Full PDB file with SEQRES, HELIX, SHEET, SSBOND, CRYST1, ORIGX, SCALE, CONECT and MASTER records, all heavy atoms in Angstrom:
SEQRES   1 A   37  LYS ALA GLN ASN GLN LEU ARG GLU LEU GLU LYS GLN LEU          
SEQRES   2 A   37  GLU GLN ARG LYS LYS GLU LEU THR THR GLN GLU LEU GLU          
SEQRES   3 A   37  ALA GLU ARG MET TYR ARG GLU ALA GLN ARG ILE                  
HELIX    1 AA1 ALA A    2  ARG A   36  1                                  35    
CRYST1    1.000    1.000    1.000  90.00  90.00  90.00 P 1           1          
ORIGX1      1.000000  0.000000  0.000000        0.00000                         
ORIGX2      0.000000  1.000000  0.000000        0.00000                         
ORIGX3      0.000000  0.000000  1.000000        0.00000                         
SCALE1      1.000000  0.000000  0.000000        0.00000                         
SCALE2      0.000000  1.000000  0.000000        0.00000                         
SCALE3      0.000000  0.000000  1.000000        0.00000                         
ATOM      1  N   LYS A   1     142.903 171.620 221.109  1.00  0.00           N  
ATOM      2  CA  LYS A   1     144.209 171.304 221.673  1.00  0.00           C  
ATOM      3  C   LYS A   1     144.308 169.808 221.987  1.00  0.00           C  
ATOM      4  O   LYS A   1     145.307 169.158 221.676  1.00  0.00           O  
ATOM      5  CB  LYS A   1     144.431 172.141 222.935  1.00  0.00           C  
ATOM      6  CG  LYS A   1     145.808 172.057 223.505  1.00  0.00           C  
ATOM      7  CD  LYS A   1     145.954 173.033 224.680  1.00  0.00           C  
ATOM      8  CE  LYS A   1     147.308 172.931 225.317  1.00  0.00           C  
ATOM      9  NZ  LYS A   1     147.457 173.847 226.447  1.00  0.00           N  
ATOM     10  N   ALA A   2     143.265 169.259 222.583  1.00  0.00           N  
ATOM     11  CA  ALA A   2     143.240 167.827 222.909  1.00  0.00           C  
ATOM     12  C   ALA A   2     143.273 166.980 221.637  1.00  0.00           C  
ATOM     13  O   ALA A   2     143.980 165.966 221.577  1.00  0.00           O  
ATOM     14  CB  ALA A   2     142.007 167.495 223.742  1.00  0.00           C  
ATOM     15  N   GLN A   3     142.524 167.393 220.623  1.00  0.00           N  
ATOM     16  CA  GLN A   3     142.525 166.657 219.360  1.00  0.00           C  
ATOM     17  C   GLN A   3     143.916 166.663 218.733  1.00  0.00           C  
ATOM     18  O   GLN A   3     144.360 165.652 218.185  1.00  0.00           O  
ATOM     19  CB  GLN A   3     141.503 167.243 218.392  1.00  0.00           C  
ATOM     20  CG  GLN A   3     140.078 166.909 218.747  1.00  0.00           C  
ATOM     21  CD  GLN A   3     139.074 167.634 217.850  1.00  0.00           C  
ATOM     22  OE1 GLN A   3     139.346 168.709 217.335  1.00  0.00           O  
ATOM     23  NE2 GLN A   3     137.908 167.031 217.683  1.00  0.00           N  
ATOM     24  N   ASN A   4     144.599 167.789 218.810  1.00  0.00           N  
ATOM     25  CA  ASN A   4     145.956 167.866 218.268  1.00  0.00           C  
ATOM     26  C   ASN A   4     146.895 166.923 219.012  1.00  0.00           C  
ATOM     27  O   ASN A   4     147.759 166.283 218.398  1.00  0.00           O  
ATOM     28  CB  ASN A   4     146.482 169.304 218.324  1.00  0.00           C  
ATOM     29  CG  ASN A   4     145.825 170.193 217.297  1.00  0.00           C  
ATOM     30  OD1 ASN A   4     145.289 169.725 216.299  1.00  0.00           O  
ATOM     31  ND2 ASN A   4     145.846 171.493 217.551  1.00  0.00           N  
ATOM     32  N   GLN A   5     146.721 166.829 220.319  1.00  0.00           N  
ATOM     33  CA  GLN A   5     147.550 165.911 221.108  1.00  0.00           C  
ATOM     34  C   GLN A   5     147.264 164.464 220.724  1.00  0.00           C  
ATOM     35  O   GLN A   5     148.190 163.648 220.615  1.00  0.00           O  
ATOM     36  CB  GLN A   5     147.318 166.132 222.600  1.00  0.00           C  
ATOM     37  CG  GLN A   5     147.877 167.439 223.107  1.00  0.00           C  
ATOM     38  CD  GLN A   5     147.495 167.733 224.551  1.00  0.00           C  
ATOM     39  OE1 GLN A   5     146.517 167.203 225.068  1.00  0.00           O  
ATOM     40  NE2 GLN A   5     148.274 168.581 225.201  1.00  0.00           N  
ATOM     41  N   LEU A   6     145.994 164.138 220.511  1.00  0.00           N  
ATOM     42  CA  LEU A   6     145.640 162.780 220.087  1.00  0.00           C  
ATOM     43  C   LEU A   6     146.219 162.472 218.711  1.00  0.00           C  
ATOM     44  O   LEU A   6     146.719 161.365 218.471  1.00  0.00           O  
ATOM     45  CB  LEU A   6     144.120 162.597 220.085  1.00  0.00           C  
ATOM     46  CG  LEU A   6     143.450 162.550 221.453  1.00  0.00           C  
ATOM     47  CD1 LEU A   6     141.930 162.547 221.304  1.00  0.00           C  
ATOM     48  CD2 LEU A   6     143.908 161.333 222.246  1.00  0.00           C  
ATOM     49  N   ARG A   7     146.165 163.439 217.802  1.00  0.00           N  
ATOM     50  CA  ARG A   7     146.742 163.238 216.461  1.00  0.00           C  
ATOM     51  C   ARG A   7     148.246 163.030 216.544  1.00  0.00           C  
ATOM     52  O   ARG A   7     148.804 162.195 215.822  1.00  0.00           O  
ATOM     53  CB  ARG A   7     146.434 164.431 215.565  1.00  0.00           C  
ATOM     54  CG  ARG A   7     145.073 164.363 214.936  1.00  0.00           C  
ATOM     55  CD  ARG A   7     144.906 165.419 213.834  1.00  0.00           C  
ATOM     56  NE  ARG A   7     143.541 165.855 213.862  1.00  0.00           N  
ATOM     57  CZ  ARG A   7     143.103 167.023 214.331  1.00  0.00           C  
ATOM     58  NH1 ARG A   7     143.938 167.912 214.776  1.00  0.00           N  
ATOM     59  NH2 ARG A   7     141.828 167.317 214.333  1.00  0.00           N  
ATOM     60  N   GLU A   8     148.904 163.794 217.410  1.00  0.00           N  
ATOM     61  CA  GLU A   8     150.356 163.653 217.570  1.00  0.00           C  
ATOM     62  C   GLU A   8     150.694 162.275 218.130  1.00  0.00           C  
ATOM     63  O   GLU A   8     151.643 161.636 217.670  1.00  0.00           O  
ATOM     64  CB  GLU A   8     150.899 164.753 218.490  1.00  0.00           C  
ATOM     65  CG  GLU A   8     152.392 164.725 218.662  1.00  0.00           C  
ATOM     66  CD  GLU A   8     153.185 164.883 217.373  1.00  0.00           C  
ATOM     67  OE1 GLU A   8     152.733 165.590 216.446  1.00  0.00           O  
ATOM     68  OE2 GLU A   8     154.275 164.281 217.285  1.00  0.00           O  
ATOM     69  N   LEU A   9     149.922 161.812 219.083  1.00  0.00           N  
ATOM     70  CA  LEU A   9     150.140 160.474 219.629  1.00  0.00           C  
ATOM     71  C   LEU A   9     149.933 159.414 218.553  1.00  0.00           C  
ATOM     72  O   LEU A   9     150.724 158.476 218.430  1.00  0.00           O  
ATOM     73  CB  LEU A   9     149.205 160.223 220.815  1.00  0.00           C  
ATOM     74  CG  LEU A   9     149.308 158.851 221.474  1.00  0.00           C  
ATOM     75  CD1 LEU A   9     150.733 158.556 221.948  1.00  0.00           C  
ATOM     76  CD2 LEU A   9     148.335 158.754 222.632  1.00  0.00           C  
ATOM     77  N   GLU A  10     148.902 159.574 217.762  1.00  0.00           N  
ATOM     78  CA  GLU A  10     148.655 158.620 216.678  1.00  0.00           C  
ATOM     79  C   GLU A  10     149.816 158.634 215.680  1.00  0.00           C  
ATOM     80  O   GLU A  10     150.263 157.585 215.209  1.00  0.00           O  
ATOM     81  CB  GLU A  10     147.341 158.935 215.967  1.00  0.00           C  
ATOM     82  CG  GLU A  10     147.000 157.930 214.881  1.00  0.00           C  
ATOM     83  CD  GLU A  10     145.670 158.184 214.213  1.00  0.00           C  
ATOM     84  OE1 GLU A  10     145.165 159.324 214.270  1.00  0.00           O  
ATOM     85  OE2 GLU A  10     145.141 157.242 213.604  1.00  0.00           O  
ATOM     86  N   LYS A  11     150.316 159.806 215.383  1.00  0.00           N  
ATOM     87  CA  LYS A  11     151.454 159.938 214.468  1.00  0.00           C  
ATOM     88  C   LYS A  11     152.676 159.199 215.022  1.00  0.00           C  
ATOM     89  O   LYS A  11     153.364 158.488 214.288  1.00  0.00           O  
ATOM     90  CB  LYS A  11     151.762 161.428 214.282  1.00  0.00           C  
ATOM     91  CG  LYS A  11     152.812 161.749 213.277  1.00  0.00           C  
ATOM     92  CD  LYS A  11     152.935 163.275 213.170  1.00  0.00           C  
ATOM     93  CE  LYS A  11     154.120 163.690 212.347  1.00  0.00           C  
ATOM     94  NZ  LYS A  11     154.266 165.149 212.277  1.00  0.00           N  
ATOM     95  N   GLN A  12     152.921 159.331 216.320  1.00  0.00           N  
ATOM     96  CA  GLN A  12     154.044 158.636 216.955  1.00  0.00           C  
ATOM     97  C   GLN A  12     153.855 157.126 216.900  1.00  0.00           C  
ATOM     98  O   GLN A  12     154.810 156.379 216.634  1.00  0.00           O  
ATOM     99  CB  GLN A  12     154.201 159.096 218.402  1.00  0.00           C  
ATOM    100  CG  GLN A  12     154.677 160.520 218.542  1.00  0.00           C  
ATOM    101  CD  GLN A  12     154.605 161.014 219.984  1.00  0.00           C  
ATOM    102  OE1 GLN A  12     154.275 160.267 220.905  1.00  0.00           O  
ATOM    103  NE2 GLN A  12     154.907 162.291 220.184  1.00  0.00           N  
ATOM    104  N   LEU A  13     152.628 156.675 217.145  1.00  0.00           N  
ATOM    105  CA  LEU A  13     152.351 155.232 217.093  1.00  0.00           C  
ATOM    106  C   LEU A  13     152.534 154.693 215.672  1.00  0.00           C  
ATOM    107  O   LEU A  13     153.078 153.600 215.482  1.00  0.00           O  
ATOM    108  CB  LEU A  13     150.943 154.940 217.600  1.00  0.00           C  
ATOM    109  CG  LEU A  13     150.712 155.169 219.101  1.00  0.00           C  
ATOM    110  CD1 LEU A  13     149.233 154.984 219.437  1.00  0.00           C  
ATOM    111  CD2 LEU A  13     151.577 154.253 219.938  1.00  0.00           C  
ATOM    112  N   GLU A  14     152.096 155.454 214.694  1.00  0.00           N  
ATOM    113  CA  GLU A  14     152.263 155.023 213.294  1.00  0.00           C  
ATOM    114  C   GLU A  14     153.745 154.981 212.924  1.00  0.00           C  
ATOM    115  O   GLU A  14     154.177 154.077 212.196  1.00  0.00           O  
ATOM    116  CB  GLU A  14     151.500 155.960 212.351  1.00  0.00           C  
ATOM    117  CG  GLU A  14     149.990 155.838 212.440  1.00  0.00           C  
ATOM    118  CD  GLU A  14     149.435 154.515 211.950  1.00  0.00           C  
ATOM    119  OE1 GLU A  14     150.133 153.763 211.230  1.00  0.00           O  
ATOM    120  OE2 GLU A  14     148.271 154.212 212.289  1.00  0.00           O  
ATOM    121  N   GLN A  15     154.528 155.927 213.421  1.00  0.00           N  
ATOM    122  CA  GLN A  15     155.969 155.924 213.163  1.00  0.00           C  
ATOM    123  C   GLN A  15     156.611 154.689 213.789  1.00  0.00           C  
ATOM    124  O   GLN A  15     157.444 154.032 213.175  1.00  0.00           O  
ATOM    125  CB  GLN A  15     156.625 157.200 213.707  1.00  0.00           C  
ATOM    126  CG  GLN A  15     158.119 157.262 213.487  1.00  0.00           C  
ATOM    127  CD  GLN A  15     158.508 157.228 212.024  1.00  0.00           C  
ATOM    128  OE1 GLN A  15     157.834 157.799 211.176  1.00  0.00           O  
ATOM    129  NE2 GLN A  15     159.611 156.559 211.719  1.00  0.00           N  
ATOM    130  N   ARG A  16     156.202 154.358 215.006  1.00  0.00           N  
ATOM    131  CA  ARG A  16     156.733 153.165 215.668  1.00  0.00           C  
ATOM    132  C   ARG A  16     156.346 151.908 214.898  1.00  0.00           C  
ATOM    133  O   ARG A  16     157.136 150.967 214.778  1.00  0.00           O  
ATOM    134  CB  ARG A  16     156.223 153.089 217.120  1.00  0.00           C  
ATOM    135  CG  ARG A  16     156.749 151.915 217.882  1.00  0.00           C  
ATOM    136  CD  ARG A  16     158.255 151.972 218.063  1.00  0.00           C  
ATOM    137  NE  ARG A  16     158.725 150.766 218.742  1.00  0.00           N  
ATOM    138  CZ  ARG A  16     159.844 150.133 218.450  1.00  0.00           C  
ATOM    139  NH1 ARG A  16     160.641 150.630 217.527  1.00  0.00           N  
ATOM    140  NH2 ARG A  16     160.177 149.037 219.083  1.00  0.00           N  
ATOM    141  N   LYS A  17     155.140 151.903 214.352  1.00  0.00           N  
ATOM    142  CA  LYS A  17     154.678 150.773 213.545  1.00  0.00           C  
ATOM    143  C   LYS A  17     155.588 150.583 212.334  1.00  0.00           C  
ATOM    144  O   LYS A  17     155.977 149.457 211.996  1.00  0.00           O  
ATOM    145  CB  LYS A  17     153.232 151.025 213.110  1.00  0.00           C  
ATOM    146  CG  LYS A  17     152.597 149.912 212.333  1.00  0.00           C  
ATOM    147  CD  LYS A  17     151.151 150.272 212.013  1.00  0.00           C  
ATOM    148  CE  LYS A  17     150.506 149.276 211.100  1.00  0.00           C  
ATOM    149  NZ  LYS A  17     149.131 149.681 210.749  1.00  0.00           N  
ATOM    150  N   LYS A  18     155.957 151.681 211.678  1.00  0.00           N  
ATOM    151  CA  LYS A  18     156.871 151.601 210.525  1.00  0.00           C  
ATOM    152  C   LYS A  18     158.237 151.071 210.947  1.00  0.00           C  
ATOM    153  O   LYS A  18     158.835 150.249 210.245  1.00  0.00           O  
ATOM    154  CB  LYS A  18     157.032 152.984 209.889  1.00  0.00           C  
ATOM    155  CG  LYS A  18     155.831 153.457 209.118  1.00  0.00           C  
ATOM    156  CD  LYS A  18     156.061 154.846 208.556  1.00  0.00           C  
ATOM    157  CE  LYS A  18     154.803 155.375 207.895  1.00  0.00           C  
ATOM    158  NZ  LYS A  18     154.987 156.734 207.369  1.00  0.00           N  
ATOM    159  N   GLU A  19     158.717 151.557 212.096  1.00  0.00           N  
ATOM    160  CA  GLU A  19     160.017 151.091 212.589  1.00  0.00           C  
ATOM    161  C   GLU A  19     159.987 149.587 212.853  1.00  0.00           C  
ATOM    162  O   GLU A  19     160.941 148.878 212.527  1.00  0.00           O  
ATOM    163  CB  GLU A  19     160.391 151.835 213.877  1.00  0.00           C  
ATOM    164  CG  GLU A  19     160.704 153.302 213.674  1.00  0.00           C  
ATOM    165  CD  GLU A  19     160.798 154.080 214.986  1.00  0.00           C  
ATOM    166  OE1 GLU A  19     160.661 153.463 216.075  1.00  0.00           O  
ATOM    167  OE2 GLU A  19     161.019 155.302 214.924  1.00  0.00           O  
ATOM    168  N   LEU A  20     158.898 149.113 213.438  1.00  0.00           N  
ATOM    169  CA  LEU A  20     158.786 147.678 213.726  1.00  0.00           C  
ATOM    170  C   LEU A  20     158.723 146.854 212.442  1.00  0.00           C  
ATOM    171  O   LEU A  20     159.288 145.755 212.380  1.00  0.00           O  
ATOM    172  CB  LEU A  20     157.555 147.403 214.595  1.00  0.00           C  
ATOM    173  CG  LEU A  20     157.675 147.843 216.049  1.00  0.00           C  
ATOM    174  CD1 LEU A  20     156.333 147.690 216.754  1.00  0.00           C  
ATOM    175  CD2 LEU A  20     158.755 147.056 216.771  1.00  0.00           C  
ATOM    176  N   THR A  21     158.055 147.379 211.449  1.00  0.00           N  
ATOM    177  CA  THR A  21     157.992 146.665 210.168  1.00  0.00           C  
ATOM    178  C   THR A  21     159.390 146.546 209.579  1.00  0.00           C  
ATOM    179  O   THR A  21     159.778 145.477 209.085  1.00  0.00           O  
ATOM    180  CB  THR A  21     157.045 147.400 209.192  1.00  0.00           C  
ATOM    181  OG1 THR A  21     155.735 147.424 209.769  1.00  0.00           O  
ATOM    182  CG2 THR A  21     156.994 146.710 207.848  1.00  0.00           C  
ATOM    183  N   THR A  22     160.152 147.611 209.657  1.00  0.00           N  
ATOM    184  CA  THR A  22     161.534 147.587 209.165  1.00  0.00           C  
ATOM    185  C   THR A  22     162.355 146.573 209.953  1.00  0.00           C  
ATOM    186  O   THR A  22     163.121 145.791 209.373  1.00  0.00           O  
ATOM    187  CB  THR A  22     162.163 148.995 209.271  1.00  0.00           C  
ATOM    188  OG1 THR A  22     161.381 149.900 208.499  1.00  0.00           O  
ATOM    189  CG2 THR A  22     163.596 149.005 208.789  1.00  0.00           C  
ATOM    190  N   GLN A  23     162.196 146.569 211.278  1.00  0.00           N  
ATOM    191  CA  GLN A  23     162.918 145.606 212.117  1.00  0.00           C  
ATOM    192  C   GLN A  23     162.513 144.173 211.791  1.00  0.00           C  
ATOM    193  O   GLN A  23     163.351 143.264 211.766  1.00  0.00           O  
ATOM    194  CB  GLN A  23     162.665 145.891 213.598  1.00  0.00           C  
ATOM    195  CG  GLN A  23     163.322 147.148 214.099  1.00  0.00           C  
ATOM    196  CD  GLN A  23     162.966 147.434 215.551  1.00  0.00           C  
ATOM    197  OE1 GLN A  23     162.348 146.620 216.231  1.00  0.00           O  
ATOM    198  NE2 GLN A  23     163.348 148.608 216.030  1.00  0.00           N  
ATOM    199  N   GLU A  24     161.230 143.969 211.536  1.00  0.00           N  
ATOM    200  CA  GLU A  24     160.749 142.628 211.200  1.00  0.00           C  
ATOM    201  C   GLU A  24     161.374 142.152 209.899  1.00  0.00           C  
ATOM    202  O   GLU A  24     161.837 141.011 209.785  1.00  0.00           O  
ATOM    203  CB  GLU A  24     159.226 142.627 211.099  1.00  0.00           C  
ATOM    204  CG  GLU A  24     158.651 141.263 210.766  1.00  0.00           C  
ATOM    205  CD  GLU A  24     157.140 141.290 210.622  1.00  0.00           C  
ATOM    206  OE1 GLU A  24     156.584 142.319 210.196  1.00  0.00           O  
ATOM    207  OE2 GLU A  24     156.526 140.265 210.940  1.00  0.00           O  
ATOM    208  N   LEU A  25     161.390 143.027 208.911  1.00  0.00           N  
ATOM    209  CA  LEU A  25     161.995 142.660 207.625  1.00  0.00           C  
ATOM    210  C   LEU A  25     163.481 142.339 207.785  1.00  0.00           C  
ATOM    211  O   LEU A  25     163.987 141.387 207.181  1.00  0.00           O  
ATOM    212  CB  LEU A  25     161.793 143.783 206.605  1.00  0.00           C  
ATOM    213  CG  LEU A  25     160.352 144.027 206.159  1.00  0.00           C  
ATOM    214  CD1 LEU A  25     160.259 145.274 205.309  1.00  0.00           C  
ATOM    215  CD2 LEU A  25     159.799 142.813 205.428  1.00  0.00           C  
ATOM    216  N   GLU A  26     164.169 143.111 208.600  1.00  0.00           N  
ATOM    217  CA  GLU A  26     165.592 142.863 208.837  1.00  0.00           C  
ATOM    218  C   GLU A  26     165.793 141.537 209.568  1.00  0.00           C  
ATOM    219  O   GLU A  26     166.701 140.767 209.234  1.00  0.00           O  
ATOM    220  CB  GLU A  26     166.210 144.018 209.636  1.00  0.00           C  
ATOM    221  CG  GLU A  26     167.672 143.855 209.938  1.00  0.00           C  
ATOM    222  CD  GLU A  26     168.570 143.779 208.706  1.00  0.00           C  
ATOM    223  OE1 GLU A  26     168.157 144.182 207.601  1.00  0.00           O  
ATOM    224  OE2 GLU A  26     169.712 143.295 208.855  1.00  0.00           O  
ATOM    225  N   ALA A  27     164.964 141.240 210.545  1.00  0.00           N  
ATOM    226  CA  ALA A  27     165.068 139.975 211.272  1.00  0.00           C  
ATOM    227  C   ALA A  27     164.810 138.797 210.333  1.00  0.00           C  
ATOM    228  O   ALA A  27     165.509 137.772 210.404  1.00  0.00           O  
ATOM    229  CB  ALA A  27     164.091 139.953 212.447  1.00  0.00           C  
ATOM    230  N   GLU A  28     163.834 138.938 209.464  1.00  0.00           N  
ATOM    231  CA  GLU A  28     163.560 137.877 208.486  1.00  0.00           C  
ATOM    232  C   GLU A  28     164.723 137.704 207.526  1.00  0.00           C  
ATOM    233  O   GLU A  28     165.099 136.583 207.173  1.00  0.00           O  
ATOM    234  CB  GLU A  28     162.272 138.179 207.721  1.00  0.00           C  
ATOM    235  CG  GLU A  28     161.028 138.010 208.553  1.00  0.00           C  
ATOM    236  CD  GLU A  28     159.766 138.478 207.848  1.00  0.00           C  
ATOM    237  OE1 GLU A  28     159.867 139.143 206.790  1.00  0.00           O  
ATOM    238  OE2 GLU A  28     158.678 138.186 208.359  1.00  0.00           O  
ATOM    239  N   ARG A  29     165.336 138.810 207.102  1.00  0.00           N  
ATOM    240  CA  ARG A  29     166.494 138.748 206.198  1.00  0.00           C  
ATOM    241  C   ARG A  29     167.653 138.029 206.881  1.00  0.00           C  
ATOM    242  O   ARG A  29     168.306 137.169 206.290  1.00  0.00           O  
ATOM    243  CB  ARG A  29     166.926 140.156 205.775  1.00  0.00           C  
ATOM    244  CG  ARG A  29     168.025 140.157 204.705  1.00  0.00           C  
ATOM    245  CD  ARG A  29     168.679 141.516 204.565  1.00  0.00           C  
ATOM    246  NE  ARG A  29     169.387 141.949 205.753  1.00  0.00           N  
ATOM    247  CZ  ARG A  29     170.571 141.469 206.177  1.00  0.00           C  
ATOM    248  NH1 ARG A  29     171.171 140.506 205.528  1.00  0.00           N  
ATOM    249  NH2 ARG A  29     171.144 141.951 207.267  1.00  0.00           N  
ATOM    250  N   MET A  30     167.870 138.370 208.154  1.00  0.00           N  
ATOM    251  CA  MET A  30     168.957 137.731 208.903  1.00  0.00           C  
ATOM    252  C   MET A  30     168.698 136.232 209.065  1.00  0.00           C  
ATOM    253  O   MET A  30     169.620 135.426 208.966  1.00  0.00           O  
ATOM    254  CB  MET A  30     169.122 138.414 210.268  1.00  0.00           C  
ATOM    255  CG  MET A  30     169.701 139.817 210.173  1.00  0.00           C  
ATOM    256  SD  MET A  30     169.699 140.728 211.738  1.00  0.00           S  
ATOM    257  CE  MET A  30     170.655 139.651 212.780  1.00  0.00           C  
ATOM    258  N   TYR A  31     167.443 135.880 209.280  1.00  0.00           N  
ATOM    259  CA  TYR A  31     167.089 134.469 209.417  1.00  0.00           C  
ATOM    260  C   TYR A  31     167.369 133.720 208.114  1.00  0.00           C  
ATOM    261  O   TYR A  31     167.975 132.644 208.117  1.00  0.00           O  
ATOM    262  CB  TYR A  31     165.622 134.330 209.807  1.00  0.00           C  
ATOM    263  CG  TYR A  31     165.086 132.940 209.592  1.00  0.00           C  
ATOM    264  CD1 TYR A  31     165.528 131.883 210.382  1.00  0.00           C  
ATOM    265  CD2 TYR A  31     164.162 132.685 208.601  1.00  0.00           C  
ATOM    266  CE1 TYR A  31     165.051 130.604 210.181  1.00  0.00           C  
ATOM    267  CE2 TYR A  31     163.692 131.398 208.391  1.00  0.00           C  
ATOM    268  CZ  TYR A  31     164.134 130.369 209.170  1.00  0.00           C  
ATOM    269  OH  TYR A  31     163.668 129.101 208.966  1.00  0.00           O  
ATOM    270  N   ARG A  32     166.947 134.291 206.999  1.00  0.00           N  
ATOM    271  CA  ARG A  32     167.184 133.648 205.691  1.00  0.00           C  
ATOM    272  C   ARG A  32     168.679 133.508 205.417  1.00  0.00           C  
ATOM    273  O   ARG A  32     169.134 132.488 204.897  1.00  0.00           O  
ATOM    274  CB  ARG A  32     166.492 134.429 204.579  1.00  0.00           C  
ATOM    275  CG  ARG A  32     164.980 134.249 204.554  1.00  0.00           C  
ATOM    276  CD  ARG A  32     164.344 134.791 203.282  1.00  0.00           C  
ATOM    277  NE  ARG A  32     164.634 136.196 203.043  1.00  0.00           N  
ATOM    278  CZ  ARG A  32     163.960 137.225 203.564  1.00  0.00           C  
ATOM    279  NH1 ARG A  32     162.950 136.984 204.367  1.00  0.00           N  
ATOM    280  NH2 ARG A  32     164.278 138.473 203.280  1.00  0.00           N  
ATOM    281  N   GLU A  33     169.425 134.533 205.789  1.00  0.00           N  
ATOM    282  CA  GLU A  33     170.880 134.488 205.606  1.00  0.00           C  
ATOM    283  C   GLU A  33     171.485 133.377 206.457  1.00  0.00           C  
ATOM    284  O   GLU A  33     172.342 132.619 206.001  1.00  0.00           O  
ATOM    285  CB  GLU A  33     171.497 135.842 205.959  1.00  0.00           C  
ATOM    286  CG  GLU A  33     172.982 135.918 205.771  1.00  0.00           C  
ATOM    287  CD  GLU A  33     173.434 135.812 204.321  1.00  0.00           C  
ATOM    288  OE1 GLU A  33     172.616 136.030 203.411  1.00  0.00           O  
ATOM    289  OE2 GLU A  33     174.616 135.486 204.102  1.00  0.00           O  
ATOM    290  N   ALA A  34     171.025 133.245 207.705  1.00  0.00           N  
ATOM    291  CA  ALA A  34     171.532 132.192 208.590  1.00  0.00           C  
ATOM    292  C   ALA A  34     171.179 130.819 208.036  1.00  0.00           C  
ATOM    293  O   ALA A  34     172.002 129.894 208.075  1.00  0.00           O  
ATOM    294  CB  ALA A  34     170.962 132.373 209.996  1.00  0.00           C  
ATOM    295  N   GLN A  35     169.985 130.676 207.484  1.00  0.00           N  
ATOM    296  CA  GLN A  35     169.568 129.396 206.890  1.00  0.00           C  
ATOM    297  C   GLN A  35     170.439 129.064 205.680  1.00  0.00           C  
ATOM    298  O   GLN A  35     170.843 127.923 205.502  1.00  0.00           O  
ATOM    299  CB  GLN A  35     168.113 129.466 206.445  1.00  0.00           C  
ATOM    300  CG  GLN A  35     167.131 129.120 207.512  1.00  0.00           C  
ATOM    301  CD  GLN A  35     165.714 129.013 206.941  1.00  0.00           C  
ATOM    302  OE1 GLN A  35     165.369 129.735 206.006  1.00  0.00           O  
ATOM    303  NE2 GLN A  35     164.930 128.134 207.513  1.00  0.00           N  
ATOM    304  N   ARG A  36     170.689 130.070 204.860  1.00  0.00           N  
ATOM    305  CA  ARG A  36     171.509 129.854 203.664  1.00  0.00           C  
ATOM    306  C   ARG A  36     172.905 129.375 204.061  1.00  0.00           C  
ATOM    307  O   ARG A  36     173.438 128.434 203.478  1.00  0.00           O  
ATOM    308  CB  ARG A  36     171.599 131.141 202.843  1.00  0.00           C  
ATOM    309  CG  ARG A  36     172.302 130.965 201.502  1.00  0.00           C  
ATOM    310  CD  ARG A  36     172.506 132.292 200.780  1.00  0.00           C  
ATOM    311  NE  ARG A  36     173.332 133.235 201.507  1.00  0.00           N  
ATOM    312  CZ  ARG A  36     174.665 133.179 201.625  1.00  0.00           C  
ATOM    313  NH1 ARG A  36     175.331 132.201 201.074  1.00  0.00           N  
ATOM    314  NH2 ARG A  36     175.328 134.101 202.290  1.00  0.00           N  
ATOM    315  N   ILE A  37     173.468 130.000 205.089  1.00  0.00           N  
ATOM    316  CA  ILE A  37     174.804 129.627 205.544  1.00  0.00           C  
ATOM    317  C   ILE A  37     174.797 128.210 206.087  1.00  0.00           C  
ATOM    318  O   ILE A  37     175.728 127.423 205.813  1.00  0.00           O  
ATOM    319  CB  ILE A  37     175.326 130.632 206.586  1.00  0.00           C  
ATOM    320  CG1 ILE A  37     175.608 131.974 205.906  1.00  0.00           C  
ATOM    321  CG2 ILE A  37     176.566 130.119 207.303  1.00  0.00           C  
ATOM    322  CD1 ILE A  37     175.924 133.114 206.855  1.00  0.00           C  
TER     323      ILE A  37                                                      
MASTER        0    0    0    1    0    0    0    6  322    1    0    3          
END                                                                             
């Protein structure tokens, strides 16, 4: 049961990591767009 809880927490952290990567890419895109303008 404890191992399953740890795996679920790891899964949530990995999902958050993916979300942050997406946000980072979007922030970089916005920066490039602002520079172009």
